[in-house]
Amino acid sequence: MAKINEAELGDDFSYILRIADSDIDGLKPIIHGLTSVKGIGVRTSMLICDMAEIDGYKLGGHLSNDEQESIRKTIDEFATKVPWWLVNRQRDLETNEDAHIIATEVKLTKDDDVARLAEMKTYRGMRHRTGHKVRGQRLRANGRRGTALGVQRKK
């Protein structure tokens, strides 16, 4: 990344933006800055910028208050404006609606899902609870934590 001169940025430059309960680096283009919000990837952030009618390659610190508010509003309305296959929470078990969860909701929802699976004593739930691999991966040689396991020579 090229070194940026502070004199070029101007007096009204914001080094940190606060959007969706997350801090966004103002020195990055807004497309890449929005990806620091959990639940928003590059594709989603490009769509958010298009829907908010903002140039995605503009530095985040140069956004005006109106543009920032437009991005916040677009993020809130994202699930209702895009097709169902583009959201990250399709047919929620409780509400049976499509939603796009972001920020702290991602962790809370994941924890609730794992707790529900473990409560039902499903195979996946029990593997989550015991800390083992869940999706059928190999256990014997890969994914080991802690000290190395293997054959030791006699002393």
N, C-alpha and C. Protein backbone atom coordinates (compact mmCIF):
# COMPACT_ATOMS: atom_id res chain seq x y z
N MET A 1 0.85 -1.17 0.00
CA MET A 1 0.00 0.00 0.00
C MET A 1 0.89 1.24 0.00
N ALA A 2 0.56 2.19 -0.80
CA ALA A 2 1.36 3.40 -0.92
C ALA A 2 1.23 4.24 0.35
N LYS A 3 2.32 4.87 0.70
CA LYS A 3 2.32 5.73 1.88
C LYS A 3 1.50 6.98 1.59
N ILE A 4 0.61 7.33 2.50
CA ILE A 4 -0.29 8.47 2.29
C ILE A 4 0.21 9.65 3.11
N ASN A 5 0.31 10.78 2.46
CA ASN A 5 0.72 12.00 3.12
C ASN A 5 -0.49 12.61 3.83
N GLU A 6 -0.31 12.98 5.10
CA GLU A 6 -1.43 13.51 5.88
C GLU A 6 -1.94 14.84 5.35
N ALA A 7 -1.07 15.60 4.70
CA ALA A 7 -1.48 16.89 4.15
C ALA A 7 -2.47 16.70 3.00
N GLU A 8 -2.34 15.59 2.27
CA GLU A 8 -3.24 15.31 1.15
C GLU A 8 -4.64 14.91 1.62
N LEU A 9 -4.73 14.37 2.83
CA LEU A 9 -6.01 13.86 3.32
C LEU A 9 -6.99 14.97 3.66
N GLY A 10 -6.52 16.07 4.17
CA GLY A 10 -7.40 17.19 4.51
C GLY A 10 -7.75 17.22 5.98
N ASP A 11 -8.43 18.29 6.37
CA ASP A 11 -8.77 18.49 7.78
C ASP A 11 -9.97 17.67 8.22
N ASP A 12 -10.89 17.38 7.29
CA ASP A 12 -12.12 16.68 7.66
C ASP A 12 -12.00 15.17 7.48
N PHE A 13 -10.78 14.64 7.39
CA PHE A 13 -10.58 13.21 7.18
C PHE A 13 -10.81 12.45 8.48
N SER A 14 -11.55 11.35 8.41
CA SER A 14 -11.81 10.50 9.58
C SER A 14 -10.97 9.24 9.47
N TYR A 15 -10.11 9.01 10.43
CA TYR A 15 -9.25 7.82 10.39
C TYR A 15 -10.01 6.55 10.76
N ILE A 16 -11.05 6.71 11.57
CA ILE A 16 -11.86 5.55 11.97
C ILE A 16 -13.33 5.91 11.82
N LEU A 17 -14.08 5.03 11.15
CA LEU A 17 -15.52 5.19 11.01
C LEU A 17 -16.20 4.16 11.91
N ARG A 18 -17.36 4.50 12.42
CA ARG A 18 -18.12 3.58 13.26
C ARG A 18 -19.39 3.22 12.52
N ILE A 19 -19.42 2.02 11.95
CA ILE A 19 -20.59 1.54 11.22
C ILE A 19 -20.90 0.13 11.69
N ALA A 20 -22.14 -0.14 12.00
CA ALA A 20 -22.63 -1.47 12.43
C ALA A 20 -21.84 -1.98 13.63
N ASP A 21 -21.64 -1.14 14.63
CA ASP A 21 -20.94 -1.50 15.86
C ASP A 21 -19.53 -2.03 15.61
N SER A 22 -18.89 -1.59 14.54
CA SER A 22 -17.54 -2.00 14.21
C SER A 22 -16.72 -0.78 13.79
N ASP A 23 -15.44 -0.84 14.07
CA ASP A 23 -14.54 0.22 13.64
C ASP A 23 -14.03 -0.10 12.25
N ILE A 24 -14.10 0.88 11.35
CA ILE A 24 -13.65 0.71 9.98
C ILE A 24 -12.49 1.66 9.73
N ASP A 25 -11.43 1.14 9.15
CA ASP A 25 -10.23 1.93 8.86
C ASP A 25 -10.54 2.95 7.77
N GLY A 26 -10.32 4.21 8.04
CA GLY A 26 -10.60 5.26 7.08
C GLY A 26 -9.57 5.38 5.98
N LEU A 27 -8.42 4.71 6.14
CA LEU A 27 -7.38 4.77 5.12
C LEU A 27 -7.58 3.75 4.01
N LYS A 28 -8.57 2.87 4.16
CA LYS A 28 -8.86 1.86 3.14
C LYS A 28 -10.03 2.33 2.28
N PRO A 29 -10.10 1.85 1.02
CA PRO A 29 -11.31 2.10 0.24
C PRO A 29 -12.51 1.49 0.96
N ILE A 30 -13.65 2.11 0.84
CA ILE A 30 -14.81 1.70 1.63
C ILE A 30 -15.25 0.27 1.32
N ILE A 31 -15.00 -0.20 0.09
CA ILE A 31 -15.33 -1.60 -0.23
C ILE A 31 -14.55 -2.55 0.67
N HIS A 32 -13.27 -2.28 0.86
CA HIS A 32 -12.44 -3.16 1.69
C HIS A 32 -12.62 -2.86 3.17
N GLY A 33 -12.95 -1.63 3.50
CA GLY A 33 -13.17 -1.28 4.90
C GLY A 33 -14.41 -1.94 5.47
N LEU A 34 -15.46 -2.07 4.67
CA LEU A 34 -16.70 -2.70 5.16
C LEU A 34 -16.52 -4.17 5.48
N THR A 35 -15.49 -4.81 4.90
CA THR A 35 -15.28 -6.23 5.18
C THR A 35 -14.78 -6.47 6.59
N SER A 36 -14.40 -5.42 7.32
CA SER A 36 -14.00 -5.60 8.71
C SER A 36 -15.22 -5.79 9.62
N VAL A 37 -16.41 -5.58 9.09
CA VAL A 37 -17.64 -5.87 9.83
C VAL A 37 -17.94 -7.36 9.65
N LYS A 38 -18.12 -8.07 10.73
CA LYS A 38 -18.38 -9.50 10.66
C LYS A 38 -19.71 -9.74 9.96
N GLY A 39 -19.71 -10.62 8.96
CA GLY A 39 -20.91 -10.91 8.21
C GLY A 39 -20.99 -10.18 6.88
N ILE A 40 -20.01 -9.31 6.60
CA ILE A 40 -19.96 -8.60 5.33
C ILE A 40 -18.66 -8.93 4.64
N GLY A 41 -18.76 -9.52 3.46
CA GLY A 41 -17.59 -9.84 2.65
C GLY A 41 -17.42 -8.84 1.53
N VAL A 42 -16.51 -9.14 0.62
CA VAL A 42 -16.21 -8.21 -0.47
C VAL A 42 -17.42 -8.07 -1.39
N ARG A 43 -18.05 -9.20 -1.74
CA ARG A 43 -19.20 -9.15 -2.64
C ARG A 43 -20.35 -8.36 -2.03
N THR A 44 -20.62 -8.60 -0.76
CA THR A 44 -21.70 -7.89 -0.07
C THR A 44 -21.37 -6.40 0.03
N SER A 45 -20.11 -6.07 0.33
CA SER A 45 -19.77 -4.65 0.48
C SER A 45 -19.86 -3.93 -0.87
N MET A 46 -19.54 -4.62 -1.97
CA MET A 46 -19.69 -4.00 -3.29
C MET A 46 -21.16 -3.72 -3.56
N LEU A 47 -22.03 -4.65 -3.20
CA LEU A 47 -23.47 -4.44 -3.39
C LEU A 47 -23.99 -3.30 -2.52
N ILE A 48 -23.50 -3.23 -1.29
CA ILE A 48 -23.94 -2.16 -0.39
C ILE A 48 -23.55 -0.80 -0.95
N CYS A 49 -22.32 -0.70 -1.46
CA CYS A 49 -21.88 0.57 -2.05
C CYS A 49 -22.70 0.92 -3.29
N ASP A 50 -23.03 -0.08 -4.12
CA ASP A 50 -23.85 0.18 -5.31
C ASP A 50 -25.25 0.63 -4.92
N MET A 51 -25.83 -0.04 -3.91
CA MET A 51 -27.19 0.30 -3.50
C MET A 51 -27.23 1.68 -2.84
N ALA A 52 -26.15 2.07 -2.16
CA ALA A 52 -26.09 3.38 -1.52
C ALA A 52 -25.63 4.46 -2.48
N GLU A 53 -25.30 4.06 -3.71
CA GLU A 53 -24.84 4.98 -4.76
C GLU A 53 -23.59 5.75 -4.32
N ILE A 54 -22.60 4.98 -3.83
CA ILE A 54 -21.33 5.54 -3.38
C ILE A 54 -20.22 4.84 -4.13
N ASP A 55 -19.19 5.60 -4.53
CA ASP A 55 -18.03 5.01 -5.18
C ASP A 55 -17.29 4.16 -4.16
N GLY A 56 -17.18 2.87 -4.41
CA GLY A 56 -16.58 1.95 -3.46
C GLY A 56 -15.09 2.12 -3.29
N TYR A 57 -14.43 2.76 -4.24
CA TYR A 57 -12.99 2.92 -4.15
C TYR A 57 -12.58 4.24 -3.52
N LYS A 58 -13.55 4.98 -3.05
CA LYS A 58 -13.29 6.22 -2.31
C LYS A 58 -12.80 5.82 -0.91
N LEU A 59 -11.80 6.53 -0.40
CA LEU A 59 -11.31 6.22 0.94
C LEU A 59 -12.43 6.43 1.96
N GLY A 60 -12.49 5.53 2.94
CA GLY A 60 -13.54 5.61 3.95
C GLY A 60 -13.52 6.90 4.74
N GLY A 61 -12.34 7.47 4.95
CA GLY A 61 -12.23 8.71 5.71
C GLY A 61 -12.76 9.93 4.99
N HIS A 62 -12.93 9.84 3.66
CA HIS A 62 -13.45 10.97 2.89
C HIS A 62 -14.97 10.96 2.77
N LEU A 63 -15.64 9.96 3.33
CA LEU A 63 -17.10 9.90 3.24
C LEU A 63 -17.72 11.00 4.10
N SER A 64 -18.73 11.64 3.56
CA SER A 64 -19.44 12.66 4.34
C SER A 64 -20.40 11.98 5.30
N ASN A 65 -20.98 12.73 6.20
CA ASN A 65 -21.93 12.17 7.16
C ASN A 65 -23.16 11.60 6.46
N ASP A 66 -23.60 12.27 5.38
CA ASP A 66 -24.75 11.77 4.62
C ASP A 66 -24.44 10.43 3.97
N GLU A 67 -23.23 10.30 3.42
CA GLU A 67 -22.84 9.03 2.79
C GLU A 67 -22.72 7.92 3.82
N GLN A 68 -22.18 8.24 4.99
CA GLN A 68 -22.08 7.24 6.06
C GLN A 68 -23.47 6.79 6.50
N GLU A 69 -24.38 7.73 6.62
CA GLU A 69 -25.75 7.40 7.02
C GLU A 69 -26.43 6.56 5.95
N SER A 70 -26.14 6.86 4.69
CA SER A 70 -26.69 6.08 3.59
C SER A 70 -26.20 4.63 3.64
N ILE A 71 -24.92 4.44 3.97
CA ILE A 71 -24.38 3.09 4.10
C ILE A 71 -25.05 2.36 5.27
N ARG A 72 -25.21 3.04 6.40
CA ARG A 72 -25.87 2.41 7.57
C ARG A 72 -27.29 1.98 7.23
N LYS A 73 -28.01 2.85 6.54
CA LYS A 73 -29.39 2.54 6.16
C LYS A 73 -29.44 1.37 5.18
N THR A 74 -28.51 1.33 4.23
CA THR A 74 -28.46 0.24 3.25
C THR A 74 -28.14 -1.08 3.93
N ILE A 75 -27.24 -1.07 4.91
CA ILE A 75 -26.91 -2.31 5.62
C ILE A 75 -28.13 -2.82 6.37
N ASP A 76 -28.89 -1.92 6.99
CA ASP A 76 -30.09 -2.33 7.73
C ASP A 76 -31.15 -2.93 6.81
N GLU A 77 -31.26 -2.41 5.59
CA GLU A 77 -32.29 -2.86 4.65
C GLU A 77 -31.78 -3.91 3.67
N PHE A 78 -30.56 -4.39 3.84
CA PHE A 78 -29.92 -5.25 2.85
C PHE A 78 -30.72 -6.52 2.58
N ALA A 79 -31.21 -7.17 3.62
CA ALA A 79 -31.91 -8.46 3.45
C ALA A 79 -33.21 -8.32 2.67
N THR A 80 -33.84 -7.16 2.73
CA THR A 80 -35.11 -6.98 2.02
C THR A 80 -34.91 -6.55 0.57
N LYS A 81 -33.72 -6.06 0.23
CA LYS A 81 -33.48 -5.52 -1.10
C LYS A 81 -32.80 -6.50 -2.06
N VAL A 82 -32.19 -7.58 -1.53
CA VAL A 82 -31.45 -8.52 -2.38
C VAL A 82 -32.20 -9.84 -2.47
N PRO A 83 -31.86 -10.69 -3.44
CA PRO A 83 -32.51 -12.01 -3.54
C PRO A 83 -32.21 -12.87 -2.31
N TRP A 84 -33.05 -13.86 -2.10
CA TRP A 84 -32.93 -14.70 -0.90
C TRP A 84 -31.62 -15.46 -0.86
N TRP A 85 -31.05 -15.81 -2.00
CA TRP A 85 -29.84 -16.61 -2.02
C TRP A 85 -28.59 -15.80 -1.69
N LEU A 86 -28.72 -14.50 -1.52
CA LEU A 86 -27.57 -13.66 -1.24
C LEU A 86 -27.42 -13.33 0.25
N VAL A 87 -28.40 -13.67 1.06
CA VAL A 87 -28.32 -13.37 2.49
C VAL A 87 -27.64 -14.53 3.21
N ASN A 88 -27.11 -14.27 4.41
CA ASN A 88 -26.37 -15.30 5.11
C ASN A 88 -27.21 -16.07 6.15
N ARG A 89 -28.46 -15.75 6.28
CA ARG A 89 -29.33 -16.48 7.22
C ARG A 89 -30.67 -16.71 6.52
N GLN A 90 -30.77 -17.81 5.80
CA GLN A 90 -31.97 -18.09 5.02
C GLN A 90 -32.93 -18.95 5.84
N ARG A 91 -34.19 -18.58 5.82
CA ARG A 91 -35.25 -19.29 6.53
C ARG A 91 -34.84 -19.61 7.97
N ASP A 92 -34.73 -18.56 8.76
CA ASP A 92 -34.38 -18.68 10.17
C ASP A 92 -35.36 -19.61 10.87
N LEU A 93 -34.88 -20.43 11.78
CA LEU A 93 -35.74 -21.42 12.44
C LEU A 93 -36.85 -20.79 13.27
N GLU A 94 -36.57 -19.66 13.91
CA GLU A 94 -37.57 -19.04 14.77
C GLU A 94 -38.58 -18.21 13.99
N THR A 95 -38.09 -17.40 13.04
CA THR A 95 -38.98 -16.48 12.34
C THR A 95 -39.36 -16.96 10.94
N ASN A 96 -38.63 -17.93 10.41
CA ASN A 96 -38.85 -18.47 9.06
C ASN A 96 -38.73 -17.39 7.99
N GLU A 97 -37.87 -16.41 8.24
CA GLU A 97 -37.64 -15.33 7.30
C GLU A 97 -36.17 -15.30 6.91
N ASP A 98 -35.89 -14.63 5.79
CA ASP A 98 -34.51 -14.44 5.37
C ASP A 98 -33.96 -13.19 6.05
N ALA A 99 -32.74 -13.28 6.55
CA ALA A 99 -32.11 -12.14 7.21
C ALA A 99 -30.62 -12.15 6.89
N HIS A 100 -30.02 -11.00 6.98
CA HIS A 100 -28.57 -10.90 6.82
C HIS A 100 -28.02 -10.41 8.15
N ILE A 101 -27.41 -11.30 8.91
CA ILE A 101 -26.95 -10.94 10.24
C ILE A 101 -25.52 -10.41 10.15
N ILE A 102 -25.22 -9.42 10.98
CA ILE A 102 -23.90 -8.78 10.98
C ILE A 102 -23.46 -8.52 12.40
N ALA A 103 -22.19 -8.23 12.56
CA ALA A 103 -21.55 -7.81 13.81
C ALA A 103 -21.73 -8.85 14.90
N THR A 104 -22.21 -8.48 16.06
CA THR A 104 -22.28 -9.41 17.19
C THR A 104 -23.37 -10.46 17.01
N GLU A 105 -24.34 -10.18 16.14
CA GLU A 105 -25.41 -11.14 15.90
C GLU A 105 -24.87 -12.44 15.32
N VAL A 106 -23.77 -12.37 14.56
CA VAL A 106 -23.19 -13.56 13.94
C VAL A 106 -22.74 -14.54 15.01
N LYS A 107 -21.99 -14.06 15.99
CA LYS A 107 -21.49 -14.94 17.05
C LYS A 107 -22.63 -15.47 17.91
N LEU A 108 -23.57 -14.60 18.27
CA LEU A 108 -24.69 -15.03 19.10
C LEU A 108 -25.53 -16.09 18.40
N THR A 109 -25.78 -15.89 17.12
CA THR A 109 -26.59 -16.84 16.35
C THR A 109 -25.88 -18.18 16.23
N LYS A 110 -24.58 -18.14 15.98
CA LYS A 110 -23.81 -19.39 15.87
C LYS A 110 -23.82 -20.14 17.20
N ASP A 111 -23.62 -19.42 18.30
CA ASP A 111 -23.65 -20.06 19.61
C ASP A 111 -25.00 -20.67 19.91
N ASP A 112 -26.08 -19.98 19.53
CA ASP A 112 -27.43 -20.52 19.73
C ASP A 112 -27.65 -21.78 18.91
N ASP A 113 -27.16 -21.79 17.67
CA ASP A 113 -27.32 -22.96 16.81
C ASP A 113 -26.57 -24.17 17.36
N VAL A 114 -25.34 -23.95 17.83
CA VAL A 114 -24.55 -25.05 18.38
C VAL A 114 -25.20 -25.56 19.67
N ALA A 115 -25.70 -24.65 20.50
CA ALA A 115 -26.37 -25.06 21.74
C ALA A 115 -27.64 -25.86 21.43
N ARG A 116 -28.36 -25.45 20.40
CA ARG A 116 -29.57 -26.19 20.02
C ARG A 116 -29.22 -27.60 19.54
N LEU A 117 -28.17 -27.71 18.73
CA LEU A 117 -27.75 -29.03 18.25
C LEU A 117 -27.28 -29.92 19.39
N ALA A 118 -26.55 -29.35 20.34
CA ALA A 118 -26.05 -30.13 21.47
C ALA A 118 -27.19 -30.53 22.39
N GLU A 119 -28.18 -29.67 22.53
CA GLU A 119 -29.34 -29.98 23.38
C GLU A 119 -30.13 -31.16 22.82
N MET A 120 -30.22 -31.21 21.49
CA MET A 120 -30.92 -32.32 20.84
C MET A 120 -30.06 -33.59 20.79
N LYS A 121 -28.79 -33.44 21.22
CA LYS A 121 -27.83 -34.54 21.22
C LYS A 121 -27.60 -35.11 19.83
N THR A 122 -27.53 -34.22 18.85
CA THR A 122 -27.20 -34.67 17.50
C THR A 122 -25.70 -34.95 17.44
N TYR A 123 -25.29 -35.67 16.41
CA TYR A 123 -23.88 -35.99 16.23
C TYR A 123 -23.06 -34.72 16.11
N ARG A 124 -23.53 -33.78 15.29
CA ARG A 124 -22.81 -32.52 15.10
C ARG A 124 -22.70 -31.74 16.40
N GLY A 125 -23.78 -31.71 17.17
CA GLY A 125 -23.77 -30.98 18.43
C GLY A 125 -22.79 -31.56 19.43
N MET A 126 -22.74 -32.88 19.48
CA MET A 126 -21.82 -33.51 20.42
C MET A 126 -20.36 -33.30 19.99
N ARG A 127 -20.10 -33.33 18.70
CA ARG A 127 -18.74 -33.08 18.21
C ARG A 127 -18.32 -31.64 18.52
N HIS A 128 -19.25 -30.69 18.37
CA HIS A 128 -18.94 -29.31 18.72
C HIS A 128 -18.60 -29.20 20.20
N ARG A 129 -19.42 -29.82 21.04
CA ARG A 129 -19.23 -29.73 22.49
C ARG A 129 -17.90 -30.34 22.93
N THR A 130 -17.50 -31.46 22.33
CA THR A 130 -16.25 -32.11 22.74
C THR A 130 -15.03 -31.53 22.07
N GLY A 131 -15.22 -30.62 21.11
CA GLY A 131 -14.09 -29.97 20.45
C GLY A 131 -13.47 -30.78 19.34
N HIS A 132 -14.18 -31.78 18.82
CA HIS A 132 -13.67 -32.59 17.72
C HIS A 132 -14.07 -32.00 16.38
N LYS A 133 -13.53 -32.59 15.31
CA LYS A 133 -13.91 -32.17 13.97
C LYS A 133 -15.37 -32.54 13.74
N VAL A 134 -16.09 -31.68 13.03
CA VAL A 134 -17.53 -31.85 12.90
C VAL A 134 -17.92 -32.43 11.55
N ARG A 135 -17.20 -32.09 10.51
CA ARG A 135 -17.63 -32.42 9.16
C ARG A 135 -16.90 -33.60 8.54
N GLY A 136 -16.52 -34.58 9.34
CA GLY A 136 -15.96 -35.81 8.81
C GLY A 136 -14.50 -35.73 8.42
N GLN A 137 -13.78 -34.73 8.86
CA GLN A 137 -12.37 -34.65 8.51
C GLN A 137 -11.58 -35.71 9.26
N ARG A 138 -10.37 -35.92 8.80
CA ARG A 138 -9.47 -36.88 9.38
C ARG A 138 -8.99 -36.40 10.74
N LEU A 139 -8.87 -37.32 11.69
CA LEU A 139 -8.44 -36.96 13.03
C LEU A 139 -7.07 -37.49 13.38
N ARG A 140 -6.66 -38.54 12.72
CA ARG A 140 -5.47 -39.25 13.17
C ARG A 140 -4.20 -38.41 13.03
N ALA A 141 -4.04 -37.73 11.91
CA ALA A 141 -2.77 -37.04 11.68
C ALA A 141 -2.90 -35.53 11.58
N ASN A 142 -4.04 -35.00 11.22
CA ASN A 142 -4.17 -33.56 10.98
C ASN A 142 -4.94 -32.87 12.09
N GLY A 143 -4.76 -31.55 12.16
CA GLY A 143 -5.55 -30.73 13.07
C GLY A 143 -5.24 -30.93 14.52
N ARG A 144 -3.99 -31.25 14.82
CA ARG A 144 -3.63 -31.48 16.22
C ARG A 144 -3.29 -30.17 16.89
N ARG A 145 -3.64 -30.07 18.14
CA ARG A 145 -3.32 -28.89 18.92
C ARG A 145 -2.36 -29.27 20.03
N GLY A 146 -1.61 -28.30 20.52
CA GLY A 146 -0.73 -28.55 21.64
C GLY A 146 0.60 -29.13 21.20
N THR A 147 1.19 -29.96 22.06
CA THR A 147 2.51 -30.52 21.77
C THR A 147 2.40 -31.55 20.66
N ALA A 148 3.51 -31.77 20.01
CA ALA A 148 3.53 -32.74 18.91
C ALA A 148 3.37 -34.15 19.46
N LEU A 149 2.59 -34.94 18.78
CA LEU A 149 2.37 -36.33 19.18
C LEU A 149 3.12 -37.21 18.20
N GLY A 150 3.58 -38.31 18.66
CA GLY A 150 4.28 -39.22 17.76
C GLY A 150 5.14 -40.19 18.56
N VAL A 151 5.99 -40.86 17.86
CA VAL A 151 6.86 -41.85 18.50
C VAL A 151 8.06 -41.15 19.11
N GLN A 152 8.37 -41.53 20.35
CA GLN A 152 9.55 -40.96 21.01
C GLN A 152 10.59 -42.05 21.20
N ARG A 153 11.83 -41.68 21.08
CA ARG A 153 12.93 -42.61 21.25
C ARG A 153 13.16 -42.88 22.74
N LYS A 154 13.52 -44.14 23.07
CA LYS A 154 13.83 -44.46 24.47
C LYS A 154 15.07 -43.72 24.91
N LYS A 155 15.09 -43.30 26.17
CA LYS A 155 16.25 -42.57 26.67
C LYS A 155 17.24 -43.51 27.29
